[in-house]
Amino acid sequence: MTKCSICGNKIAELFLEKLKGTVVRKPASSKQYPVCFECQKKFPTKEELLKNL
């Protein structure tokens, strides 16, 4: 189980260990940050998600 980078809740995994959510990457970095559906609803744009990491 993976945790959300913003709120810390667990993110469920689907078939073949795919995340039920999204993964956001900062432009200058290659590190990826998993984000849950609840945080996606709170912060609808990528810029808002990256600001809250």
Protein backbone atom coordinates (compact mmCIF):
# COMPACT_ATOMS: atom_id res chain seq x y z
CA MET A 1 0.00 0.00 0.00
CA THR A 2 1.18 3.45 -0.90
CA LYS A 3 0.41 6.62 1.03
CA CYS A 4 -0.74 9.95 -0.39
CA SER A 5 2.02 12.58 -0.40
CA ILE A 6 -0.36 15.34 0.71
CA CYS A 7 -2.70 13.87 3.34
CA GLY A 8 -0.94 10.59 4.23
CA ASN A 9 -3.97 8.32 3.64
CA LYS A 10 -3.40 4.91 2.13
CA ILE A 11 -4.05 4.59 -1.61
CA ALA A 12 -5.65 1.36 -2.78
CA GLU A 13 -3.97 -0.70 -5.47
CA LEU A 14 -5.75 -2.22 -8.43
CA PHE A 15 -4.83 -5.20 -10.58
CA LEU A 16 -1.06 -5.61 -11.16
CA GLU A 17 -0.22 -3.06 -8.41
CA LYS A 18 -1.57 -0.02 -10.26
CA LEU A 19 -2.58 2.86 -7.97
CA LYS A 20 -6.16 4.02 -7.61
CA GLY A 21 -5.22 7.67 -7.89
CA THR A 22 -2.63 9.64 -9.79
CA VAL A 23 1.08 10.25 -9.72
CA VAL A 24 2.43 13.82 -9.97
CA ARG A 25 6.01 14.68 -10.88
CA LYS A 26 7.78 17.98 -10.28
CA PRO A 27 9.15 19.48 -13.51
CA ALA A 28 12.76 19.88 -12.31
CA SER A 29 12.89 16.51 -10.56
CA SER A 30 12.38 12.90 -11.53
CA LYS A 31 10.75 11.98 -8.18
CA GLN A 32 7.10 10.95 -8.40
CA TYR A 33 4.46 11.73 -5.77
CA PRO A 34 1.29 9.61 -5.43
CA VAL A 35 -1.93 11.57 -4.77
CA CYS A 36 -5.31 10.15 -3.68
CA PHE A 37 -8.72 11.00 -5.18
CA GLU A 38 -9.75 13.15 -2.20
CA CYS A 39 -6.74 15.43 -2.62
CA GLN A 40 -7.38 15.57 -6.38
CA LYS A 41 -10.87 16.90 -5.64
CA LYS A 42 -9.50 19.53 -3.21
CA PHE A 43 -6.76 20.69 -5.60
CA PRO A 44 -8.00 20.27 -9.20
CA THR A 45 -4.93 21.64 -11.04
CA LYS A 46 -1.40 20.24 -11.15
CA GLU A 47 0.05 23.53 -9.90
CA GLU A 48 -2.12 23.45 -6.76
CA LEU A 49 -1.13 19.82 -6.11
CA LEU A 50 2.57 20.61 -6.43
CA LYS A 51 2.24 23.65 -4.17
CA ASN A 52 0.81 21.48 -1.37
CA LEU A 53 3.46 18.73 -1.48
